[in-house]
Amino acid sequence: ELDSKLALNGVRAVWIDRAVLQVW
């Protein structure tokens, strides 16, 4: 769930798990 105070369009979300230094 995202809670935002302003509208943002064309957002690409990237998840970074520091433990294995991988980006998804």
PDBML (XML) file of the C-alpha atoms, coordinates in Angstrom:
<?xml version="1.0" encoding="UTF-8" ?>
<PDBx:datablock datablockName="MODEL"
   xmlns:PDBx="http://pdbml.pdb.org/schema/pdbx-v50.xsd"
   xmlns:xsi="http://www.w3.org/2001/XMLSchema-instance"
   xsi:schemaLocation="http://pdbml.pdb.org/schema/pdbx-v50.xsd pdbx-v50.xsd">
   <PDBx:atom_siteCategory>
      <PDBx:atom_site id="1">
         <PDBx:B_iso_or_equiv>0.00</PDBx:B_iso_or_equiv>
         <PDBx:Cartn_x>0.000</PDBx:Cartn_x>
         <PDBx:Cartn_y>0.000</PDBx:Cartn_y>
         <PDBx:Cartn_z>0.000</PDBx:Cartn_z>
         <PDBx:auth_asym_id>A</PDBx:auth_asym_id>
         <PDBx:auth_atom_id>CA</PDBx:auth_atom_id>
         <PDBx:auth_comp_id>GLU</PDBx:auth_comp_id>
         <PDBx:auth_seq_id>1</PDBx:auth_seq_id>
         <PDBx:group_PDB>ATOM</PDBx:group_PDB>
         <PDBx:label_alt_id xsi:nil="true" />
         <PDBx:label_asym_id>A</PDBx:label_asym_id>
         <PDBx:label_atom_id>CA</PDBx:label_atom_id>
         <PDBx:label_comp_id>GLU</PDBx:label_comp_id>
         <PDBx:label_entity_id>1</PDBx:label_entity_id>
         <PDBx:label_seq_id>1</PDBx:label_seq_id>
         <PDBx:occupancy>1.00</PDBx:occupancy>
         <PDBx:pdbx_PDB_model_num>1</PDBx:pdbx_PDB_model_num>
         <PDBx:type_symbol>C</PDBx:type_symbol>
      </PDBx:atom_site>
      <PDBx:atom_site id="2">
         <PDBx:B_iso_or_equiv>0.00</PDBx:B_iso_or_equiv>
         <PDBx:Cartn_x>1.220</PDBx:Cartn_x>
         <PDBx:Cartn_y>3.487</PDBx:Cartn_y>
         <PDBx:Cartn_z>-0.837</PDBx:Cartn_z>
         <PDBx:auth_asym_id>A</PDBx:auth_asym_id>
         <PDBx:auth_atom_id>CA</PDBx:auth_atom_id>
         <PDBx:auth_comp_id>LEU</PDBx:auth_comp_id>
         <PDBx:auth_seq_id>2</PDBx:auth_seq_id>
         <PDBx:group_PDB>ATOM</PDBx:group_PDB>
         <PDBx:label_alt_id xsi:nil="true" />
         <PDBx:label_asym_id>A</PDBx:label_asym_id>
         <PDBx:label_atom_id>CA</PDBx:label_atom_id>
         <PDBx:label_comp_id>LEU</PDBx:label_comp_id>
         <PDBx:label_entity_id>1</PDBx:label_entity_id>
         <PDBx:label_seq_id>2</PDBx:label_seq_id>
         <PDBx:occupancy>1.00</PDBx:occupancy>
         <PDBx:pdbx_PDB_model_num>1</PDBx:pdbx_PDB_model_num>
         <PDBx:type_symbol>C</PDBx:type_symbol>
      </PDBx:atom_site>
      <PDBx:atom_site id="3">
         <PDBx:B_iso_or_equiv>0.00</PDBx:B_iso_or_equiv>
         <PDBx:Cartn_x>0.210</PDBx:Cartn_x>
         <PDBx:Cartn_y>6.608</PDBx:Cartn_y>
         <PDBx:Cartn_z>1.062</PDBx:Cartn_z>
         <PDBx:auth_asym_id>A</PDBx:auth_asym_id>
         <PDBx:auth_atom_id>CA</PDBx:auth_atom_id>
         <PDBx:auth_comp_id>ASP</PDBx:auth_comp_id>
         <PDBx:auth_seq_id>3</PDBx:auth_seq_id>
         <PDBx:group_PDB>ATOM</PDBx:group_PDB>
         <PDBx:label_alt_id xsi:nil="true" />
         <PDBx:label_asym_id>A</PDBx:label_asym_id>
         <PDBx:label_atom_id>CA</PDBx:label_atom_id>
         <PDBx:label_comp_id>ASP</PDBx:label_comp_id>
         <PDBx:label_entity_id>1</PDBx:label_entity_id>
         <PDBx:label_seq_id>3</PDBx:label_seq_id>
         <PDBx:occupancy>1.00</PDBx:occupancy>
         <PDBx:pdbx_PDB_model_num>1</PDBx:pdbx_PDB_model_num>
         <PDBx:type_symbol>C</PDBx:type_symbol>
      </PDBx:atom_site>
      <PDBx:atom_site id="4">
         <PDBx:B_iso_or_equiv>0.00</PDBx:B_iso_or_equiv>
         <PDBx:Cartn_x>1.003</PDBx:Cartn_x>
         <PDBx:Cartn_y>9.808</PDBx:Cartn_y>
         <PDBx:Cartn_z>-0.827</PDBx:Cartn_z>
         <PDBx:auth_asym_id>A</PDBx:auth_asym_id>
         <PDBx:auth_atom_id>CA</PDBx:auth_atom_id>
         <PDBx:auth_comp_id>SER</PDBx:auth_comp_id>
         <PDBx:auth_seq_id>4</PDBx:auth_seq_id>
         <PDBx:group_PDB>ATOM</PDBx:group_PDB>
         <PDBx:label_alt_id xsi:nil="true" />
         <PDBx:label_asym_id>A</PDBx:label_asym_id>
         <PDBx:label_atom_id>CA</PDBx:label_atom_id>
         <PDBx:label_comp_id>SER</PDBx:label_comp_id>
         <PDBx:label_entity_id>1</PDBx:label_entity_id>
         <PDBx:label_seq_id>4</PDBx:label_seq_id>
         <PDBx:occupancy>1.00</PDBx:occupancy>
         <PDBx:pdbx_PDB_model_num>1</PDBx:pdbx_PDB_model_num>
         <PDBx:type_symbol>C</PDBx:type_symbol>
      </PDBx:atom_site>
      <PDBx:atom_site id="5">
         <PDBx:B_iso_or_equiv>0.00</PDBx:B_iso_or_equiv>
         <PDBx:Cartn_x>0.497</PDBx:Cartn_x>
         <PDBx:Cartn_y>13.500</PDBx:Cartn_y>
         <PDBx:Cartn_z>-0.160</PDBx:Cartn_z>
         <PDBx:auth_asym_id>A</PDBx:auth_asym_id>
         <PDBx:auth_atom_id>CA</PDBx:auth_atom_id>
         <PDBx:auth_comp_id>LYS</PDBx:auth_comp_id>
         <PDBx:auth_seq_id>5</PDBx:auth_seq_id>
         <PDBx:group_PDB>ATOM</PDBx:group_PDB>
         <PDBx:label_alt_id xsi:nil="true" />
         <PDBx:label_asym_id>A</PDBx:label_asym_id>
         <PDBx:label_atom_id>CA</PDBx:label_atom_id>
         <PDBx:label_comp_id>LYS</PDBx:label_comp_id>
         <PDBx:label_entity_id>1</PDBx:label_entity_id>
         <PDBx:label_seq_id>5</PDBx:label_seq_id>
         <PDBx:occupancy>1.00</PDBx:occupancy>
         <PDBx:pdbx_PDB_model_num>1</PDBx:pdbx_PDB_model_num>
         <PDBx:type_symbol>C</PDBx:type_symbol>
      </PDBx:atom_site>
      <PDBx:atom_site id="6">
         <PDBx:B_iso_or_equiv>0.00</PDBx:B_iso_or_equiv>
         <PDBx:Cartn_x>0.769</PDBx:Cartn_x>
         <PDBx:Cartn_y>14.336</PDBx:Cartn_y>
         <PDBx:Cartn_z>-3.891</PDBx:Cartn_z>
         <PDBx:auth_asym_id>A</PDBx:auth_asym_id>
         <PDBx:auth_atom_id>CA</PDBx:auth_atom_id>
         <PDBx:auth_comp_id>LEU</PDBx:auth_comp_id>
         <PDBx:auth_seq_id>6</PDBx:auth_seq_id>
         <PDBx:group_PDB>ATOM</PDBx:group_PDB>
         <PDBx:label_alt_id xsi:nil="true" />
         <PDBx:label_asym_id>A</PDBx:label_asym_id>
         <PDBx:label_atom_id>CA</PDBx:label_atom_id>
         <PDBx:label_comp_id>LEU</PDBx:label_comp_id>
         <PDBx:label_entity_id>1</PDBx:label_entity_id>
         <PDBx:label_seq_id>6</PDBx:label_seq_id>
         <PDBx:occupancy>1.00</PDBx:occupancy>
         <PDBx:pdbx_PDB_model_num>1</PDBx:pdbx_PDB_model_num>
         <PDBx:type_symbol>C</PDBx:type_symbol>
      </PDBx:atom_site>
      <PDBx:atom_site id="7">
         <PDBx:B_iso_or_equiv>0.00</PDBx:B_iso_or_equiv>
         <PDBx:Cartn_x>-0.033</PDBx:Cartn_x>
         <PDBx:Cartn_y>12.697</PDBx:Cartn_y>
         <PDBx:Cartn_z>-7.209</PDBx:Cartn_z>
         <PDBx:auth_asym_id>A</PDBx:auth_asym_id>
         <PDBx:auth_atom_id>CA</PDBx:auth_atom_id>
         <PDBx:auth_comp_id>ALA</PDBx:auth_comp_id>
         <PDBx:auth_seq_id>7</PDBx:auth_seq_id>
         <PDBx:group_PDB>ATOM</PDBx:group_PDB>
         <PDBx:label_alt_id xsi:nil="true" />
         <PDBx:label_asym_id>A</PDBx:label_asym_id>
         <PDBx:label_atom_id>CA</PDBx:label_atom_id>
         <PDBx:label_comp_id>ALA</PDBx:label_comp_id>
         <PDBx:label_entity_id>1</PDBx:label_entity_id>
         <PDBx:label_seq_id>7</PDBx:label_seq_id>
         <PDBx:occupancy>1.00</PDBx:occupancy>
         <PDBx:pdbx_PDB_model_num>1</PDBx:pdbx_PDB_model_num>
         <PDBx:type_symbol>C</PDBx:type_symbol>
      </PDBx:atom_site>
      <PDBx:atom_site id="8">
         <PDBx:B_iso_or_equiv>0.00</PDBx:B_iso_or_equiv>
         <PDBx:Cartn_x>2.876</PDBx:Cartn_x>
         <PDBx:Cartn_y>11.188</PDBx:Cartn_y>
         <PDBx:Cartn_z>-9.156</PDBx:Cartn_z>
         <PDBx:auth_asym_id>A</PDBx:auth_asym_id>
         <PDBx:auth_atom_id>CA</PDBx:auth_atom_id>
         <PDBx:auth_comp_id>LEU</PDBx:auth_comp_id>
         <PDBx:auth_seq_id>8</PDBx:auth_seq_id>
         <PDBx:group_PDB>ATOM</PDBx:group_PDB>
         <PDBx:label_alt_id xsi:nil="true" />
         <PDBx:label_asym_id>A</PDBx:label_asym_id>
         <PDBx:label_atom_id>CA</PDBx:label_atom_id>
         <PDBx:label_comp_id>LEU</PDBx:label_comp_id>
         <PDBx:label_entity_id>1</PDBx:label_entity_id>
         <PDBx:label_seq_id>8</PDBx:label_seq_id>
         <PDBx:occupancy>1.00</PDBx:occupancy>
         <PDBx:pdbx_PDB_model_num>1</PDBx:pdbx_PDB_model_num>
         <PDBx:type_symbol>C</PDBx:type_symbol>
      </PDBx:atom_site>
      <PDBx:atom_site id="9">
         <PDBx:B_iso_or_equiv>0.00</PDBx:B_iso_or_equiv>
         <PDBx:Cartn_x>2.468</PDBx:Cartn_x>
         <PDBx:Cartn_y>9.812</PDBx:Cartn_y>
         <PDBx:Cartn_z>-12.686</PDBx:Cartn_z>
         <PDBx:auth_asym_id>A</PDBx:auth_asym_id>
         <PDBx:auth_atom_id>CA</PDBx:auth_atom_id>
         <PDBx:auth_comp_id>ASN</PDBx:auth_comp_id>
         <PDBx:auth_seq_id>9</PDBx:auth_seq_id>
         <PDBx:group_PDB>ATOM</PDBx:group_PDB>
         <PDBx:label_alt_id xsi:nil="true" />
         <PDBx:label_asym_id>A</PDBx:label_asym_id>
         <PDBx:label_atom_id>CA</PDBx:label_atom_id>
         <PDBx:label_comp_id>ASN</PDBx:label_comp_id>
         <PDBx:label_entity_id>1</PDBx:label_entity_id>
         <PDBx:label_seq_id>9</PDBx:label_seq_id>
         <PDBx:occupancy>1.00</PDBx:occupancy>
         <PDBx:pdbx_PDB_model_num>1</PDBx:pdbx_PDB_model_num>
         <PDBx:type_symbol>C</PDBx:type_symbol>
      </PDBx:atom_site>
      <PDBx:atom_site id="10">
         <PDBx:B_iso_or_equiv>0.00</PDBx:B_iso_or_equiv>
         <PDBx:Cartn_x>4.541</PDBx:Cartn_x>
         <PDBx:Cartn_y>7.252</PDBx:Cartn_y>
         <PDBx:Cartn_z>-14.543</PDBx:Cartn_z>
         <PDBx:auth_asym_id>A</PDBx:auth_asym_id>
         <PDBx:auth_atom_id>CA</PDBx:auth_atom_id>
         <PDBx:auth_comp_id>GLY</PDBx:auth_comp_id>
         <PDBx:auth_seq_id>10</PDBx:auth_seq_id>
         <PDBx:group_PDB>ATOM</PDBx:group_PDB>
         <PDBx:label_alt_id xsi:nil="true" />
         <PDBx:label_asym_id>A</PDBx:label_asym_id>
         <PDBx:label_atom_id>CA</PDBx:label_atom_id>
         <PDBx:label_comp_id>GLY</PDBx:label_comp_id>
         <PDBx:label_entity_id>1</PDBx:label_entity_id>
         <PDBx:label_seq_id>10</PDBx:label_seq_id>
         <PDBx:occupancy>1.00</PDBx:occupancy>
         <PDBx:pdbx_PDB_model_num>1</PDBx:pdbx_PDB_model_num>
         <PDBx:type_symbol>C</PDBx:type_symbol>
      </PDBx:atom_site>
      <PDBx:atom_site id="11">
         <PDBx:B_iso_or_equiv>0.00</PDBx:B_iso_or_equiv>
         <PDBx:Cartn_x>6.230</PDBx:Cartn_x>
         <PDBx:Cartn_y>5.817</PDBx:Cartn_y>
         <PDBx:Cartn_z>-11.460</PDBx:Cartn_z>
         <PDBx:auth_asym_id>A</PDBx:auth_asym_id>
         <PDBx:auth_atom_id>CA</PDBx:auth_atom_id>
         <PDBx:auth_comp_id>VAL</PDBx:auth_comp_id>
         <PDBx:auth_seq_id>11</PDBx:auth_seq_id>
         <PDBx:group_PDB>ATOM</PDBx:group_PDB>
         <PDBx:label_alt_id xsi:nil="true" />
         <PDBx:label_asym_id>A</PDBx:label_asym_id>
         <PDBx:label_atom_id>CA</PDBx:label_atom_id>
         <PDBx:label_comp_id>VAL</PDBx:label_comp_id>
         <PDBx:label_entity_id>1</PDBx:label_entity_id>
         <PDBx:label_seq_id>11</PDBx:label_seq_id>
         <PDBx:occupancy>1.00</PDBx:occupancy>
         <PDBx:pdbx_PDB_model_num>1</PDBx:pdbx_PDB_model_num>
         <PDBx:type_symbol>C</PDBx:type_symbol>
      </PDBx:atom_site>
      <PDBx:atom_site id="12">
         <PDBx:B_iso_or_equiv>0.00</PDBx:B_iso_or_equiv>
         <PDBx:Cartn_x>8.464</PDBx:Cartn_x>
         <PDBx:Cartn_y>2.766</PDBx:Cartn_y>
         <PDBx:Cartn_z>-11.755</PDBx:Cartn_z>
         <PDBx:auth_asym_id>A</PDBx:auth_asym_id>
         <PDBx:auth_atom_id>CA</PDBx:auth_atom_id>
         <PDBx:auth_comp_id>ARG</PDBx:auth_comp_id>
         <PDBx:auth_seq_id>12</PDBx:auth_seq_id>
         <PDBx:group_PDB>ATOM</PDBx:group_PDB>
         <PDBx:label_alt_id xsi:nil="true" />
         <PDBx:label_asym_id>A</PDBx:label_asym_id>
         <PDBx:label_atom_id>CA</PDBx:label_atom_id>
         <PDBx:label_comp_id>ARG</PDBx:label_comp_id>
         <PDBx:label_entity_id>1</PDBx:label_entity_id>
         <PDBx:label_seq_id>12</PDBx:label_seq_id>
         <PDBx:occupancy>1.00</PDBx:occupancy>
         <PDBx:pdbx_PDB_model_num>1</PDBx:pdbx_PDB_model_num>
         <PDBx:type_symbol>C</PDBx:type_symbol>
      </PDBx:atom_site>
      <PDBx:atom_site id="13">
         <PDBx:B_iso_or_equiv>0.00</PDBx:B_iso_or_equiv>
         <PDBx:Cartn_x>9.000</PDBx:Cartn_x>
         <PDBx:Cartn_y>0.970</PDBx:Cartn_y>
         <PDBx:Cartn_z>-8.448</PDBx:Cartn_z>
         <PDBx:auth_asym_id>A</PDBx:auth_asym_id>
         <PDBx:auth_atom_id>CA</PDBx:auth_atom_id>
         <PDBx:auth_comp_id>ALA</PDBx:auth_comp_id>
         <PDBx:auth_seq_id>13</PDBx:auth_seq_id>
         <PDBx:group_PDB>ATOM</PDBx:group_PDB>
         <PDBx:label_alt_id xsi:nil="true" />
         <PDBx:label_asym_id>A</PDBx:label_asym_id>
         <PDBx:label_atom_id>CA</PDBx:label_atom_id>
         <PDBx:label_comp_id>ALA</PDBx:label_comp_id>
         <PDBx:label_entity_id>1</PDBx:label_entity_id>
         <PDBx:label_seq_id>13</PDBx:label_seq_id>
         <PDBx:occupancy>1.00</PDBx:occupancy>
         <PDBx:pdbx_PDB_model_num>1</PDBx:pdbx_PDB_model_num>
         <PDBx:type_symbol>C</PDBx:type_symbol>
      </PDBx:atom_site>
      <PDBx:atom_site id="14">
         <PDBx:B_iso_or_equiv>0.00</PDBx:B_iso_or_equiv>
         <PDBx:Cartn_x>12.281</PDBx:Cartn_x>
         <PDBx:Cartn_y>-0.831</PDBx:Cartn_y>
         <PDBx:Cartn_z>-7.742</PDBx:Cartn_z>
         <PDBx:auth_asym_id>A</PDBx:auth_asym_id>
         <PDBx:auth_atom_id>CA</PDBx:auth_atom_id>
         <PDBx:auth_comp_id>VAL</PDBx:auth_comp_id>
         <PDBx:auth_seq_id>14</PDBx:auth_seq_id>
         <PDBx:group_PDB>ATOM</PDBx:group_PDB>
         <PDBx:label_alt_id xsi:nil="true" />
         <PDBx:label_asym_id>A</PDBx:label_asym_id>
         <PDBx:label_atom_id>CA</PDBx:label_atom_id>
         <PDBx:label_comp_id>VAL</PDBx:label_comp_id>
         <PDBx:label_entity_id>1</PDBx:label_entity_id>
         <PDBx:label_seq_id>14</PDBx:label_seq_id>
         <PDBx:occupancy>1.00</PDBx:occupancy>
         <PDBx:pdbx_PDB_model_num>1</PDBx:pdbx_PDB_model_num>
         <PDBx:type_symbol>C</PDBx:type_symbol>
      </PDBx:atom_site>
      <PDBx:atom_site id="15">
         <PDBx:B_iso_or_equiv>0.00</PDBx:B_iso_or_equiv>
         <PDBx:Cartn_x>12.875</PDBx:Cartn_x>
         <PDBx:Cartn_y>-3.114</PDBx:Cartn_y>
         <PDBx:Cartn_z>-4.732</PDBx:Cartn_z>
         <PDBx:auth_asym_id>A</PDBx:auth_asym_id>
         <PDBx:auth_atom_id>CA</PDBx:auth_atom_id>
         <PDBx:auth_comp_id>TRP</PDBx:auth_comp_id>
         <PDBx:auth_seq_id>15</PDBx:auth_seq_id>
         <PDBx:group_PDB>ATOM</PDBx:group_PDB>
         <PDBx:label_alt_id xsi:nil="true" />
         <PDBx:label_asym_id>A</PDBx:label_asym_id>
         <PDBx:label_atom_id>CA</PDBx:label_atom_id>
         <PDBx:label_comp_id>TRP</PDBx:label_comp_id>
         <PDBx:label_entity_id>1</PDBx:label_entity_id>
         <PDBx:label_seq_id>15</PDBx:label_seq_id>
         <PDBx:occupancy>1.00</PDBx:occupancy>
         <PDBx:pdbx_PDB_model_num>1</PDBx:pdbx_PDB_model_num>
         <PDBx:type_symbol>C</PDBx:type_symbol>
      </PDBx:atom_site>
      <PDBx:atom_site id="16">
         <PDBx:B_iso_or_equiv>0.00</PDBx:B_iso_or_equiv>
         <PDBx:Cartn_x>16.401</PDBx:Cartn_x>
         <PDBx:Cartn_y>-3.391</PDBx:Cartn_y>
         <PDBx:Cartn_z>-3.305</PDBx:Cartn_z>
         <PDBx:auth_asym_id>A</PDBx:auth_asym_id>
         <PDBx:auth_atom_id>CA</PDBx:auth_atom_id>
         <PDBx:auth_comp_id>ILE</PDBx:auth_comp_id>
         <PDBx:auth_seq_id>16</PDBx:auth_seq_id>
         <PDBx:group_PDB>ATOM</PDBx:group_PDB>
         <PDBx:label_alt_id xsi:nil="true" />
         <PDBx:label_asym_id>A</PDBx:label_asym_id>
         <PDBx:label_atom_id>CA</PDBx:label_atom_id>
         <PDBx:label_comp_id>ILE</PDBx:label_comp_id>
         <PDBx:label_entity_id>1</PDBx:label_entity_id>
         <PDBx:label_seq_id>16</PDBx:label_seq_id>
         <PDBx:occupancy>1.00</PDBx:occupancy>
         <PDBx:pdbx_PDB_model_num>1</PDBx:pdbx_PDB_model_num>
         <PDBx:type_symbol>C</PDBx:type_symbol>
      </PDBx:atom_site>
      <PDBx:atom_site id="17">
         <PDBx:B_iso_or_equiv>0.00</PDBx:B_iso_or_equiv>
         <PDBx:Cartn_x>17.205</PDBx:Cartn_x>
         <PDBx:Cartn_y>-6.117</PDBx:Cartn_y>
         <PDBx:Cartn_z>-0.802</PDBx:Cartn_z>
         <PDBx:auth_asym_id>A</PDBx:auth_asym_id>
         <PDBx:auth_atom_id>CA</PDBx:auth_atom_id>
         <PDBx:auth_comp_id>ASP</PDBx:auth_comp_id>
         <PDBx:auth_seq_id>17</PDBx:auth_seq_id>
         <PDBx:group_PDB>ATOM</PDBx:group_PDB>
         <PDBx:label_alt_id xsi:nil="true" />
         <PDBx:label_asym_id>A</PDBx:label_asym_id>
         <PDBx:label_atom_id>CA</PDBx:label_atom_id>
         <PDBx:label_comp_id>ASP</PDBx:label_comp_id>
         <PDBx:label_entity_id>1</PDBx:label_entity_id>
         <PDBx:label_seq_id>17</PDBx:label_seq_id>
         <PDBx:occupancy>1.00</PDBx:occupancy>
         <PDBx:pdbx_PDB_model_num>1</PDBx:pdbx_PDB_model_num>
         <PDBx:type_symbol>C</PDBx:type_symbol>
      </PDBx:atom_site>
      <PDBx:atom_site id="18">
         <PDBx:B_iso_or_equiv>0.00</PDBx:B_iso_or_equiv>
         <PDBx:Cartn_x>20.471</PDBx:Cartn_x>
         <PDBx:Cartn_y>-5.015</PDBx:Cartn_y>
         <PDBx:Cartn_z>0.782</PDBx:Cartn_z>
         <PDBx:auth_asym_id>A</PDBx:auth_asym_id>
         <PDBx:auth_atom_id>CA</PDBx:auth_atom_id>
         <PDBx:auth_comp_id>ARG</PDBx:auth_comp_id>
         <PDBx:auth_seq_id>18</PDBx:auth_seq_id>
         <PDBx:group_PDB>ATOM</PDBx:group_PDB>
         <PDBx:label_alt_id xsi:nil="true" />
         <PDBx:label_asym_id>A</PDBx:label_asym_id>
         <PDBx:label_atom_id>CA</PDBx:label_atom_id>
         <PDBx:label_comp_id>ARG</PDBx:label_comp_id>
         <PDBx:label_entity_id>1</PDBx:label_entity_id>
         <PDBx:label_seq_id>18</PDBx:label_seq_id>
         <PDBx:occupancy>1.00</PDBx:occupancy>
         <PDBx:pdbx_PDB_model_num>1</PDBx:pdbx_PDB_model_num>
         <PDBx:type_symbol>C</PDBx:type_symbol>
      </PDBx:atom_site>
      <PDBx:atom_site id="19">
         <PDBx:B_iso_or_equiv>0.00</PDBx:B_iso_or_equiv>
         <PDBx:Cartn_x>21.220</PDBx:Cartn_x>
         <PDBx:Cartn_y>-8.463</PDBx:Cartn_y>
         <PDBx:Cartn_z>2.196</PDBx:Cartn_z>
         <PDBx:auth_asym_id>A</PDBx:auth_asym_id>
         <PDBx:auth_atom_id>CA</PDBx:auth_atom_id>
         <PDBx:auth_comp_id>ALA</PDBx:auth_comp_id>
         <PDBx:auth_seq_id>19</PDBx:auth_seq_id>
         <PDBx:group_PDB>ATOM</PDBx:group_PDB>
         <PDBx:label_alt_id xsi:nil="true" />
         <PDBx:label_asym_id>A</PDBx:label_asym_id>
         <PDBx:label_atom_id>CA</PDBx:label_atom_id>
         <PDBx:label_comp_id>ALA</PDBx:label_comp_id>
         <PDBx:label_entity_id>1</PDBx:label_entity_id>
         <PDBx:label_seq_id>19</PDBx:label_seq_id>
         <PDBx:occupancy>1.00</PDBx:occupancy>
         <PDBx:pdbx_PDB_model_num>1</PDBx:pdbx_PDB_model_num>
         <PDBx:type_symbol>C</PDBx:type_symbol>
      </PDBx:atom_site>
      <PDBx:atom_site id="20">
         <PDBx:B_iso_or_equiv>0.00</PDBx:B_iso_or_equiv>
         <PDBx:Cartn_x>21.942</PDBx:Cartn_x>
         <PDBx:Cartn_y>-10.020</PDBx:Cartn_y>
         <PDBx:Cartn_z>-1.176</PDBx:Cartn_z>
         <PDBx:auth_asym_id>A</PDBx:auth_asym_id>
         <PDBx:auth_atom_id>CA</PDBx:auth_atom_id>
         <PDBx:auth_comp_id>VAL</PDBx:auth_comp_id>
         <PDBx:auth_seq_id>20</PDBx:auth_seq_id>
         <PDBx:group_PDB>ATOM</PDBx:group_PDB>
         <PDBx:label_alt_id xsi:nil="true" />
         <PDBx:label_asym_id>A</PDBx:label_asym_id>
         <PDBx:label_atom_id>CA</PDBx:label_atom_id>
         <PDBx:label_comp_id>VAL</PDBx:label_comp_id>
         <PDBx:label_entity_id>1</PDBx:label_entity_id>
         <PDBx:label_seq_id>20</PDBx:label_seq_id>
         <PDBx:occupancy>1.00</PDBx:occupancy>
         <PDBx:pdbx_PDB_model_num>1</PDBx:pdbx_PDB_model_num>
         <PDBx:type_symbol>C</PDBx:type_symbol>
      </PDBx:atom_site>
      <PDBx:atom_site id="21">
         <PDBx:B_iso_or_equiv>0.00</PDBx:B_iso_or_equiv>
         <PDBx:Cartn_x>22.672</PDBx:Cartn_x>
         <PDBx:Cartn_y>-6.804</PDBx:Cartn_y>
         <PDBx:Cartn_z>-3.074</PDBx:Cartn_z>
         <PDBx:auth_asym_id>A</PDBx:auth_asym_id>
         <PDBx:auth_atom_id>CA</PDBx:auth_atom_id>
         <PDBx:auth_comp_id>LEU</PDBx:auth_comp_id>
         <PDBx:auth_seq_id>21</PDBx:auth_seq_id>
         <PDBx:group_PDB>ATOM</PDBx:group_PDB>
         <PDBx:label_alt_id xsi:nil="true" />
         <PDBx:label_asym_id>A</PDBx:label_asym_id>
         <PDBx:label_atom_id>CA</PDBx:label_atom_id>
         <PDBx:label_comp_id>LEU</PDBx:label_comp_id>
         <PDBx:label_entity_id>1</PDBx:label_entity_id>
         <PDBx:label_seq_id>21</PDBx:label_seq_id>
         <PDBx:occupancy>1.00</PDBx:occupancy>
         <PDBx:pdbx_PDB_model_num>1</PDBx:pdbx_PDB_model_num>
         <PDBx:type_symbol>C</PDBx:type_symbol>
      </PDBx:atom_site>
      <PDBx:atom_site id="22">
         <PDBx:B_iso_or_equiv>0.00</PDBx:B_iso_or_equiv>
         <PDBx:Cartn_x>20.093</PDBx:Cartn_x>
         <PDBx:Cartn_y>-7.636</PDBx:Cartn_y>
         <PDBx:Cartn_z>-5.692</PDBx:Cartn_z>
         <PDBx:auth_asym_id>A</PDBx:auth_asym_id>
         <PDBx:auth_atom_id>CA</PDBx:auth_atom_id>
         <PDBx:auth_comp_id>GLN</PDBx:auth_comp_id>
         <PDBx:auth_seq_id>22</PDBx:auth_seq_id>
         <PDBx:group_PDB>ATOM</PDBx:group_PDB>
         <PDBx:label_alt_id xsi:nil="true" />
         <PDBx:label_asym_id>A</PDBx:label_asym_id>
         <PDBx:label_atom_id>CA</PDBx:label_atom_id>
         <PDBx:label_comp_id>GLN</PDBx:label_comp_id>
         <PDBx:label_entity_id>1</PDBx:label_entity_id>
         <PDBx:label_seq_id>22</PDBx:label_seq_id>
         <PDBx:occupancy>1.00</PDBx:occupancy>
         <PDBx:pdbx_PDB_model_num>1</PDBx:pdbx_PDB_model_num>
         <PDBx:type_symbol>C</PDBx:type_symbol>
      </PDBx:atom_site>
      <PDBx:atom_site id="23">
         <PDBx:B_iso_or_equiv>0.00</PDBx:B_iso_or_equiv>
         <PDBx:Cartn_x>17.689</PDBx:Cartn_x>
         <PDBx:Cartn_y>-5.247</PDBx:Cartn_y>
         <PDBx:Cartn_z>-7.342</PDBx:Cartn_z>
         <PDBx:auth_asym_id>A</PDBx:auth_asym_id>
         <PDBx:auth_atom_id>CA</PDBx:auth_atom_id>
         <PDBx:auth_comp_id>VAL</PDBx:auth_comp_id>
         <PDBx:auth_seq_id>23</PDBx:auth_seq_id>
         <PDBx:group_PDB>ATOM</PDBx:group_PDB>
         <PDBx:label_alt_id xsi:nil="true" />
         <PDBx:label_asym_id>A</PDBx:label_asym_id>
         <PDBx:label_atom_id>CA</PDBx:label_atom_id>
         <PDBx:label_comp_id>VAL</PDBx:label_comp_id>
         <PDBx:label_entity_id>1</PDBx:label_entity_id>
         <PDBx:label_seq_id>23</PDBx:label_seq_id>
         <PDBx:occupancy>1.00</PDBx:occupancy>
         <PDBx:pdbx_PDB_model_num>1</PDBx:pdbx_PDB_model_num>
         <PDBx:type_symbol>C</PDBx:type_symbol>
      </PDBx:atom_site>
      <PDBx:atom_site id="24">
         <PDBx:B_iso_or_equiv>0.00</PDBx:B_iso_or_equiv>
         <PDBx:Cartn_x>14.213</PDBx:Cartn_x>
         <PDBx:Cartn_y>-6.310</PDBx:Cartn_y>
         <PDBx:Cartn_z>-8.455</PDBx:Cartn_z>
         <PDBx:auth_asym_id>A</PDBx:auth_asym_id>
         <PDBx:auth_atom_id>CA</PDBx:auth_atom_id>
         <PDBx:auth_comp_id>TRP</PDBx:auth_comp_id>
         <PDBx:auth_seq_id>24</PDBx:auth_seq_id>
         <PDBx:group_PDB>ATOM</PDBx:group_PDB>
         <PDBx:label_alt_id xsi:nil="true" />
         <PDBx:label_asym_id>A</PDBx:label_asym_id>
         <PDBx:label_atom_id>CA</PDBx:label_atom_id>
         <PDBx:label_comp_id>TRP</PDBx:label_comp_id>
         <PDBx:label_entity_id>1</PDBx:label_entity_id>
         <PDBx:label_seq_id>24</PDBx:label_seq_id>
         <PDBx:occupancy>1.00</PDBx:occupancy>
         <PDBx:pdbx_PDB_model_num>1</PDBx:pdbx_PDB_model_num>
         <PDBx:type_symbol>C</PDBx:type_symbol>
      </PDBx:atom_site>
   </PDBx:atom_siteCategory>
</PDBx:datablock>
